[in-house]
Protein backbone atom coordinates (compact mmCIF):
# COMPACT_ATOMS: atom_id res chain seq x y z
CA MET A 1 58.11 -6.14 -66.29
CA SER A 2 58.34 -6.43 -70.06
CA LYS A 3 61.24 -4.64 -71.69
CA PRO A 4 60.54 -1.16 -73.09
CA ASN A 5 59.14 -0.88 -76.59
CA PHE A 6 61.39 1.52 -78.49
CA SER A 7 58.79 2.06 -81.23
CA ASP A 8 56.73 4.40 -79.05
CA LYS A 9 59.78 6.37 -77.82
CA THR A 10 61.13 9.63 -79.21
CA ALA A 11 64.87 10.25 -79.56
CA LEU A 12 67.13 13.25 -80.08
CA LEU A 13 70.55 12.45 -81.52
CA ILE A 14 73.20 15.17 -81.04
CA GLU A 15 76.35 14.45 -83.04
CA ASP A 16 78.47 16.74 -85.24
CA MET A 17 80.36 14.00 -87.14
CA ALA A 18 78.45 12.73 -90.17
CA GLU A 19 79.77 9.17 -90.07
CA ALA A 20 78.97 8.70 -86.37
CA ARG A 21 75.59 10.36 -86.85
CA ILE A 22 74.61 7.96 -89.62
CA MET A 23 75.80 4.93 -87.66
CA GLN A 24 74.01 5.90 -84.44
CA LYS A 25 70.79 6.77 -86.24
CA LYS A 26 70.84 3.36 -87.93
CA MET A 27 71.28 1.70 -84.53
CA LEU A 28 68.29 3.58 -83.13
CA ASN A 29 66.22 2.63 -86.18
CA ASP A 30 67.20 -1.01 -85.74
CA PHE A 31 66.08 -0.86 -82.10
CA GLY A 32 62.65 0.22 -83.31
CA PHE A 33 62.69 3.99 -82.77
CA LYS A 34 60.24 5.63 -85.20
CA SER A 35 60.75 9.24 -84.17
CA ILE A 36 64.39 10.37 -84.31
CA GLU A 37 65.40 14.02 -84.60
CA ILE A 38 68.96 15.13 -85.22
CA ALA A 39 71.00 18.13 -84.10
CA MET A 40 74.57 18.69 -85.25
CA LYS A 41 75.33 21.48 -82.76
CA ALA A 42 74.47 22.20 -79.16
CA GLU A 43 72.64 25.38 -80.13
CA SER A 44 70.37 23.44 -82.51
CA ALA A 45 69.69 20.86 -79.81
CA ILE A 46 68.69 23.58 -77.35
CA GLU A 47 66.19 25.00 -79.85
CA LEU A 48 64.64 21.56 -80.31
CA LEU A 49 64.52 20.96 -76.56
CA ARG A 50 62.75 24.29 -76.06
CA SER A 51 59.93 23.11 -78.30
CA ARG A 52 59.45 19.55 -77.07
CA SER A 53 60.75 16.79 -74.81
CA TYR A 54 62.27 13.44 -75.81
CA ASP A 55 62.31 10.05 -74.18
CA VAL A 56 65.96 9.52 -75.09
CA ILE A 57 68.73 12.07 -75.71
CA LEU A 58 71.95 10.65 -77.12
CA SER A 59 74.57 13.39 -77.09
CA ASP A 60 78.23 13.34 -78.05
CA TYR A 61 80.70 15.15 -75.81
CA ASN A 62 82.66 16.76 -78.65
CA LEU A 63 80.36 18.91 -80.77
CA GLY A 64 82.85 20.97 -82.77
CA ASN A 65 82.92 24.75 -82.37
CA GLY A 66 80.65 26.24 -79.75
CA LYS A 67 79.30 24.48 -76.69
CA ASP A 68 80.56 20.99 -75.93
CA GLY A 69 78.43 18.20 -74.54
CA GLN A 70 79.13 19.18 -70.94
CA GLN A 71 78.11 22.81 -71.53
CA LEU A 72 74.99 21.62 -73.33
CA LEU A 73 74.05 19.39 -70.40
CA GLU A 74 74.82 22.24 -67.99
CA GLU A 75 72.44 24.57 -69.83
CA VAL A 76 69.55 22.16 -70.32
CA ARG A 77 69.74 21.17 -66.64
CA HIS A 78 69.90 24.80 -65.51
CA SER A 79 67.04 25.86 -67.83
CA HIS A 80 64.93 22.78 -67.02
CA LEU A 81 64.74 21.86 -70.70
CA ILE A 82 64.90 18.13 -70.03
CA PRO A 83 62.48 16.52 -67.58
CA ASN A 84 63.50 13.86 -65.09
CA THR A 85 61.44 11.43 -67.14
CA SER A 86 63.87 11.75 -70.08
CA THR A 87 66.98 9.60 -70.43
CA TYR A 88 70.20 11.48 -71.20
CA LEU A 89 73.10 9.33 -72.41
CA MET A 90 76.48 10.98 -73.00
CA VAL A 91 78.62 9.55 -75.80
CA THR A 92 82.34 10.20 -75.74
CA ALA A 93 85.63 9.06 -77.17
CA GLU A 94 87.47 10.96 -74.42
CA THR A 95 88.44 9.36 -71.14
CA SER A 96 90.44 12.22 -69.60
CA THR A 97 89.77 12.95 -65.95
CA GLU A 98 88.95 16.58 -66.82
CA MET A 99 86.21 15.51 -69.23
CA VAL A 100 84.74 12.79 -67.04
CA MET A 101 84.70 14.91 -63.88
CA GLY A 102 83.31 17.90 -65.75
CA ALA A 103 80.41 16.04 -67.30
CA ILE A 104 79.56 13.89 -64.30
CA GLU A 105 78.81 16.94 -62.17
CA TYR A 106 75.77 17.67 -64.33
CA ALA A 107 74.43 14.14 -63.87
CA PRO A 108 73.68 12.49 -67.20
CA ASP A 109 71.80 9.23 -66.75
CA GLY A 110 74.73 7.32 -68.20
CA TYR A 111 77.83 7.25 -70.40
CA ILE A 112 78.92 5.12 -73.28
CA THR A 113 82.45 5.27 -74.66
CA LYS A 114 83.31 5.06 -78.37
CA PRO A 115 83.73 2.72 -80.05
CA PHE A 116 80.66 0.77 -78.93
CA SER A 117 78.67 -2.01 -80.56
CA GLN A 118 74.98 -1.95 -81.36
CA ALA A 119 74.38 -4.63 -78.73
CA MET A 120 76.20 -2.57 -76.10
CA LEU A 121 74.12 0.54 -76.82
CA GLU A 122 70.91 -1.48 -76.78
CA ARG A 123 71.73 -3.03 -73.40
CA ARG A 124 72.55 0.38 -71.94
CA LEU A 125 69.37 1.99 -73.23
CA LEU A 126 67.19 -0.93 -72.15
CA LYS A 127 68.48 -0.76 -68.59
CA LEU A 128 68.12 3.01 -68.38
CA LEU A 129 64.62 3.02 -69.84
CA GLU A 130 63.49 0.15 -67.62
CA ASN A 131 64.51 2.14 -64.56
CA LYS A 132 62.89 5.30 -65.92
CA GLU A 133 59.66 3.37 -66.43
CA LEU A 134 59.70 2.07 -62.87
CA LEU A 135 60.40 5.56 -61.52
CA LEU A 136 57.96 7.33 -63.84
CA LYS A 137 55.58 8.58 -61.13
CA VAL A 138 58.52 9.64 -58.97
CA ASN A 139 60.12 11.60 -61.80
CA LYS A 140 56.84 13.24 -62.83
CA ALA A 141 56.44 14.46 -59.27
CA LEU A 142 60.02 15.76 -59.23
CA ASP A 143 59.41 17.63 -62.49
CA LYS A 144 56.53 19.44 -60.75
CA SER A 145 58.64 20.04 -57.61
CA ASP A 146 55.99 18.00 -55.79
CA TYR A 147 58.46 16.53 -53.33
CA GLU A 148 55.86 15.09 -50.98
CA THR A 149 54.41 12.95 -53.77
CA ALA A 150 57.93 12.04 -54.95
CA ILE A 151 58.75 10.76 -51.46
CA ASN A 152 55.59 8.67 -51.25
CA GLU A 153 56.02 7.22 -54.76
CA ALA A 154 59.70 6.44 -54.14
CA LYS A 155 58.74 4.46 -51.04
CA VAL A 156 56.22 2.47 -53.09
CA VAL A 157 58.85 1.69 -55.76
CA SER A 158 61.45 0.63 -53.21
CA GLU A 159 59.01 -1.85 -51.66
CA LYS A 160 58.13 -3.41 -55.03
CA HIS A 161 61.62 -3.32 -56.58
CA PRO A 162 64.43 -3.99 -54.09
CA ALA A 163 67.08 -3.33 -56.76
CA LEU A 164 66.02 0.35 -56.73
CA ILE A 165 66.00 0.79 -52.94
CA SER A 166 69.27 2.76 -52.96
CA ARG A 167 68.12 5.13 -55.69
CA CYS A 168 64.72 5.62 -54.04
CA ASN A 169 66.26 6.34 -50.66
CA ARG A 170 68.48 8.96 -52.24
CA ILE A 171 65.44 10.59 -53.87
CA VAL A 172 63.62 10.57 -50.52
CA GLY A 173 66.59 12.17 -48.74
CA ASP A 174 67.13 14.84 -51.40
CA SER A 175 63.39 15.62 -51.49
CA LEU A 176 63.31 16.06 -47.71
CA ILE A 177 66.20 18.53 -48.03
CA SER A 178 64.24 20.42 -50.69
CA LEU A 179 61.34 20.57 -48.21
CA GLU A 180 63.80 21.80 -45.54
CA ARG A 181 62.95 18.80 -43.35
CA TYR A 182 66.59 18.35 -42.50
CA LYS A 183 66.26 16.15 -39.42
CA GLU A 184 64.11 13.64 -41.31
CA ALA A 185 66.56 13.71 -44.21
CA LEU A 186 69.43 13.17 -41.77
CA THR A 187 67.78 9.99 -40.51
CA VAL A 188 67.35 8.70 -44.08
CA PHE A 189 70.93 9.44 -45.14
CA ARG A 190 72.43 8.14 -41.89
CA THR A 191 70.57 4.84 -42.24
CA CYS A 192 71.66 4.51 -45.89
CA ARG A 193 75.25 5.29 -45.00
CA LYS A 194 75.32 2.60 -42.32
CA GLU A 195 73.69 0.02 -44.60
CA SER A 196 75.42 0.73 -47.91
CA ARG A 197 78.39 3.00 -47.14
CA MET A 198 77.68 4.83 -50.40
CA PRO A 199 79.41 8.25 -50.73
CA TRP A 200 76.15 10.01 -51.67
CA ALA A 201 74.64 8.92 -48.33
CA ALA A 202 77.56 10.34 -46.35
CA PHE A 203 77.36 13.50 -48.48
CA GLY A 204 73.63 13.90 -47.78
CA GLU A 205 74.24 13.33 -44.08
CA ALA A 206 76.95 16.03 -44.04
CA LYS A 207 74.70 18.52 -45.83
CA CYS A 208 71.93 17.91 -43.30
CA HIS A 209 74.33 18.69 -40.46
CA TYR A 210 75.31 21.91 -42.27
CA PHE A 211 71.70 23.04 -42.66
CA ILE A 212 70.79 22.09 -39.09
CA GLY A 213 73.73 24.15 -37.86
CA ASN A 214 76.07 21.36 -36.73
CA ILE A 215 78.95 23.05 -38.54
CA ASP A 216 81.82 21.20 -36.86
CA ILE A 217 80.20 17.83 -37.56
CA ALA A 218 79.50 18.87 -41.17
CA GLU A 219 83.13 19.92 -41.62
CA SER A 220 84.39 16.61 -40.26
CA LYS A 221 82.12 14.59 -42.56
CA PHE A 222 82.84 16.63 -45.69
CA ARG A 223 86.56 16.37 -44.96
CA GLN A 224 86.32 12.60 -44.55
CA LEU A 225 84.54 12.36 -47.90
CA THR A 226 87.40 14.18 -49.62
CA LEU A 227 89.86 11.76 -48.03
CA ASP A 228 87.82 8.67 -48.93
CA ASN A 229 87.09 9.70 -52.52
CA LYS A 230 89.39 12.31 -54.04
CA PHE A 231 87.14 12.70 -57.09
CA PHE A 232 83.96 13.45 -55.14
CA VAL A 233 84.45 17.11 -56.03
CA SER A 234 81.14 18.38 -54.66
CA ALA A 235 82.36 17.39 -51.21
CA TYR A 236 85.28 19.81 -51.66
CA ASP A 237 82.83 22.61 -52.55
CA TRP A 238 80.79 21.98 -49.43
CA LEU A 239 83.86 21.63 -47.24
CA ALA A 240 85.02 25.05 -48.49
CA LYS A 241 81.54 26.47 -47.91
CA THR A 242 81.57 25.10 -44.35
CA LEU A 243 85.03 26.55 -43.67
CA VAL A 244 83.88 29.97 -44.91
CA LYS A 245 80.95 29.70 -42.49
CA LYS A 246 83.54 29.22 -39.73
CA GLY A 247 85.57 32.20 -40.95
CA GLU A 248 88.47 30.01 -42.14
CA HIS A 249 88.79 31.60 -45.56
CA GLU A 250 92.38 30.72 -46.33
CA GLU A 251 91.85 27.00 -45.78
CA ALA A 252 88.61 27.20 -47.76
CA GLN A 253 90.57 28.69 -50.64
CA ALA A 254 93.15 25.90 -50.47
CA ILE A 255 90.34 23.33 -50.63
CA LEU A 256 88.88 24.97 -53.74
CA VAL A 257 92.32 25.07 -55.37
CA ASP A 258 92.43 21.31 -54.90
CA ALA A 259 88.88 20.91 -56.25
CA VAL A 260 89.60 22.99 -59.36
CA GLY A 261 92.70 20.90 -59.98
CA ARG A 262 90.53 17.77 -60.03
CA SER A 263 87.65 19.19 -62.09
CA PRO A 264 88.71 22.40 -63.87
CA LYS A 265 85.75 22.73 -66.24
CA ASN A 266 83.19 23.77 -63.62
CA LEU A 267 82.62 27.48 -64.24
CA MET A 268 80.89 28.28 -60.95
CA ARG A 269 83.71 26.66 -58.97
CA GLN A 270 86.29 28.76 -60.82
CA ILE A 271 84.29 31.89 -60.00
CA GLU A 272 84.00 30.92 -56.34
CA LEU A 273 87.74 30.28 -56.16
CA GLY A 274 88.40 33.68 -57.74
CA LYS A 275 86.17 35.49 -55.25
CA LEU A 276 87.67 33.67 -52.28
CA SER A 277 91.19 34.36 -53.55
CA LEU A 278 90.43 38.10 -53.71
CA GLU A 279 89.13 37.93 -50.13
CA VAL A 280 92.39 36.41 -48.86
CA ARG A 281 94.42 38.76 -51.09
CA ASP A 282 95.85 35.98 -53.24
CA ASN A 283 95.49 38.15 -56.31
CA LEU A 284 97.55 35.94 -58.60
CA MET A 285 95.30 32.95 -57.94
CA ALA A 286 92.27 35.21 -58.35
CA GLU A 287 93.50 36.32 -61.77
CA MET A 288 94.15 32.75 -62.89
CA SER A 289 90.72 31.59 -61.70
CA PHE A 290 88.79 34.44 -63.28
CA ARG A 291 90.77 34.14 -66.52
CA ARG A 292 89.78 30.47 -66.69
CA ALA A 293 86.20 31.46 -65.83
CA VAL A 294 86.11 33.98 -68.70
CA PHE A 295 87.24 31.21 -71.05
CA LEU A 296 84.63 28.76 -69.75
CA ALA A 297 81.87 31.38 -69.76
CA LYS A 298 82.11 31.91 -73.51
CA HIS A 299 79.74 29.05 -74.33
CA SER A 300 78.04 28.79 -70.94
CA CYS A 301 74.53 29.76 -69.88
CA PHE A 302 76.25 31.50 -66.94
CA ASN A 303 78.04 33.98 -69.22
CA ASP A 304 77.62 37.01 -66.96
CA ALA A 305 79.41 40.36 -67.19
CA GLU A 306 80.48 40.05 -63.54
CA VAL A 307 82.92 37.27 -64.47
CA TYR A 308 84.76 39.61 -66.85
CA ILE A 309 84.66 42.53 -64.42
CA GLN A 310 86.10 40.37 -61.64
CA HIS A 311 88.93 39.23 -63.90
CA MET A 312 89.89 42.81 -64.68
CA ALA A 313 89.59 43.76 -61.00
CA SER A 314 92.00 40.98 -60.05
CA ILE A 315 94.60 42.37 -62.47
CA VAL A 316 94.14 45.87 -61.00
CA ALA A 317 94.75 44.33 -57.57
CA LEU A 318 97.95 42.72 -58.90
CA ALA A 319 99.11 46.04 -60.37
CA ARG A 320 98.61 47.74 -57.02
CA GLU A 321 100.95 45.19 -55.45
CA GLY A 322 103.79 46.38 -57.65
CA ASP A 323 105.29 45.63 -61.07
CA ILE A 324 103.34 43.14 -63.15
CA PRO A 325 104.45 41.36 -66.34
CA SER A 326 103.22 42.78 -69.63
CA ARG A 327 101.22 39.61 -70.28
CA GLN A 328 98.89 40.60 -67.44
CA ILE A 329 98.20 43.90 -69.15
CA ASP A 330 97.52 41.91 -72.32
CA ASN A 331 95.14 39.67 -70.33
CA PHE A 332 93.34 42.78 -69.07
CA GLN A 333 92.97 44.19 -72.59
CA THR A 334 91.73 40.86 -73.95
CA THR A 335 88.99 40.68 -71.33
CA LEU A 336 88.20 44.38 -71.75
CA ASN A 337 87.68 43.83 -75.48
CA LYS A 338 85.31 40.96 -74.71
CA VAL A 339 83.32 43.22 -72.39
CA HIS A 340 82.91 45.83 -75.12
CA GLN A 341 81.96 43.13 -77.64
CA ASN A 342 79.58 41.10 -75.49
CA PHE A 343 78.03 43.75 -73.27
CA PHE A 344 77.98 46.82 -75.52
CA LYS A 345 74.26 47.30 -74.79
CA SER A 346 74.89 47.66 -71.06
CA PRO A 347 76.05 51.20 -70.19
CA GLU A 348 76.58 50.22 -66.54
CA VAL A 349 78.95 47.39 -67.48
CA ARG A 350 80.90 49.60 -69.87
CA THR A 351 81.21 52.25 -67.15
CA GLU A 352 82.64 49.74 -64.68
CA ALA A 353 85.07 48.56 -67.37
CA TYR A 354 86.30 52.11 -68.00
CA LEU A 355 86.72 52.67 -64.26
CA LEU A 356 88.82 49.53 -63.92
CA GLU A 357 90.89 50.52 -66.95
CA MET A 358 91.58 53.92 -65.37
CA GLU A 359 92.50 52.22 -62.09
CA LEU A 360 94.89 49.88 -63.89
CA TYR A 361 96.83 52.67 -65.59
CA SER A 362 96.81 54.72 -62.40
CA ALA A 363 98.42 51.76 -60.60
CA LEU A 364 100.95 51.53 -63.43
CA GLY A 365 101.73 55.24 -63.04
CA ASP A 366 100.59 55.99 -66.60
CA ASN A 367 98.50 59.12 -66.03
CA LYS A 368 98.50 60.06 -69.71
CA THR A 369 96.75 56.85 -70.74
CA MET A 370 94.40 57.16 -67.77
CA ASN A 371 93.34 60.64 -68.92
CA GLN A 372 92.78 59.39 -72.46
CA ILE A 373 90.53 56.61 -71.15
CA GLU A 374 88.48 59.14 -69.18
CA GLU A 375 88.03 61.22 -72.33
CA VAL A 376 86.76 58.23 -74.31
CA TRP A 377 84.47 57.32 -71.42
CA ASN A 378 83.02 60.87 -71.31
CA HIS A 379 82.33 60.74 -75.06
CA GLU A 380 80.45 57.46 -74.58
CA ILE A 381 78.44 58.97 -71.71
CA GLU A 382 77.40 61.83 -74.00
CA ALA A 383 76.44 59.30 -76.70
CA GLY A 384 74.44 57.23 -74.20
CA GLN A 385 76.69 54.22 -74.65
CA ALA A 386 78.02 54.38 -71.09
CA SER A 387 76.35 55.57 -67.93
CA ALA A 388 77.44 58.53 -65.83
CA PRO A 389 79.30 57.40 -62.73
CA SER A 390 77.30 56.70 -59.59
CA ALA A 391 78.25 58.52 -56.39
CA THR A 392 80.45 55.58 -55.42
CA ALA A 393 82.07 55.42 -58.85
CA GLN A 394 82.68 59.18 -58.82
CA LYS A 395 84.54 58.81 -55.55
CA ARG A 396 86.78 56.25 -57.24
CA VAL A 397 87.43 58.70 -60.11
CA ASP A 398 88.12 61.55 -57.71
CA HIS A 399 90.54 59.35 -55.77
CA LEU A 400 92.45 58.52 -58.95
CA LYS A 401 92.72 62.20 -59.84
CA SER A 402 93.96 63.03 -56.33
CA LEU A 403 96.80 60.55 -56.82
CA LYS A 404 98.05 62.54 -59.82
CA SER A 405 98.47 65.76 -57.90
């Protein structure tokens, strides 16, 4: 096929540094792009992506204050703001494992590392756009969640273009999983694994065993993936999930500790580790995980009050174990302040925060402060800024009061 014509393509350039922005825009102009829009911040890019789609998105990883390139990619993937037909190329000057592993989990179409030449960028874009063109019908079907059509079109592409067989087989397998046709998907992934030995094929095969109910086989295959490729972090997540299914929570927690160490910027993984740590009563690890989650949630689309509540609950659990360092009380107050700032319009959240604050000072033996907190809480209930305690919450309050007597 003829190489893509850039002149009929639209581009969104996301770059906060003026010098880099000017240079990259000039490159795109030289390639023939006629329509180039620019965003200097992730928030501006999101607004543009809400209003239209682009053929090419060139985004830097470092975007100054606010969301970084990974968090931007996380949000636009989660919110379906970029179709599969678009090409998303991440630009970065960083090569740290934390950055690479964090961004790769949200699947950009490619990376390019600064500094790069105009010729290098052109080659990368040409290759990516050529593949997008060949897979156009497949990706349009995926954007509509029409997995049956995606499967059929992927088979057509793989017959005509042998170089894309691996990618098409992966699409077929993943689409069959989406259709819950796990045994068919298992056959596809198993064949691919035997022919290519690609990690994604073994991963797909393991997931199929999990969904079918072959839990021991799934565990064995996920575990082997973690041994074969220590940076295939999703395999750690699924291994932990499989171990939880078997009731082996402590080992599952250890697996997630390892996964977080390899890719610490994944918010949902930090939350899962925190929850699992509370279950196995490793309250110190729970506090560390939820504290990291609170930090990551600040610019994330998953910025939910529950993350903050869980962090405070983990510190209460630590206080109930015995003496805790003053820095943990400071951590509690920091998160509590964020709750009042970020969720002041949610009376239910504020009520849970006050309850946890009372429980903390009760555990510390500071009944005077606990009583003062209850007074403030009652004033907020009267003002409609906090909700009256539910029956369950009232039992918690009554229990705290019984401890004083």
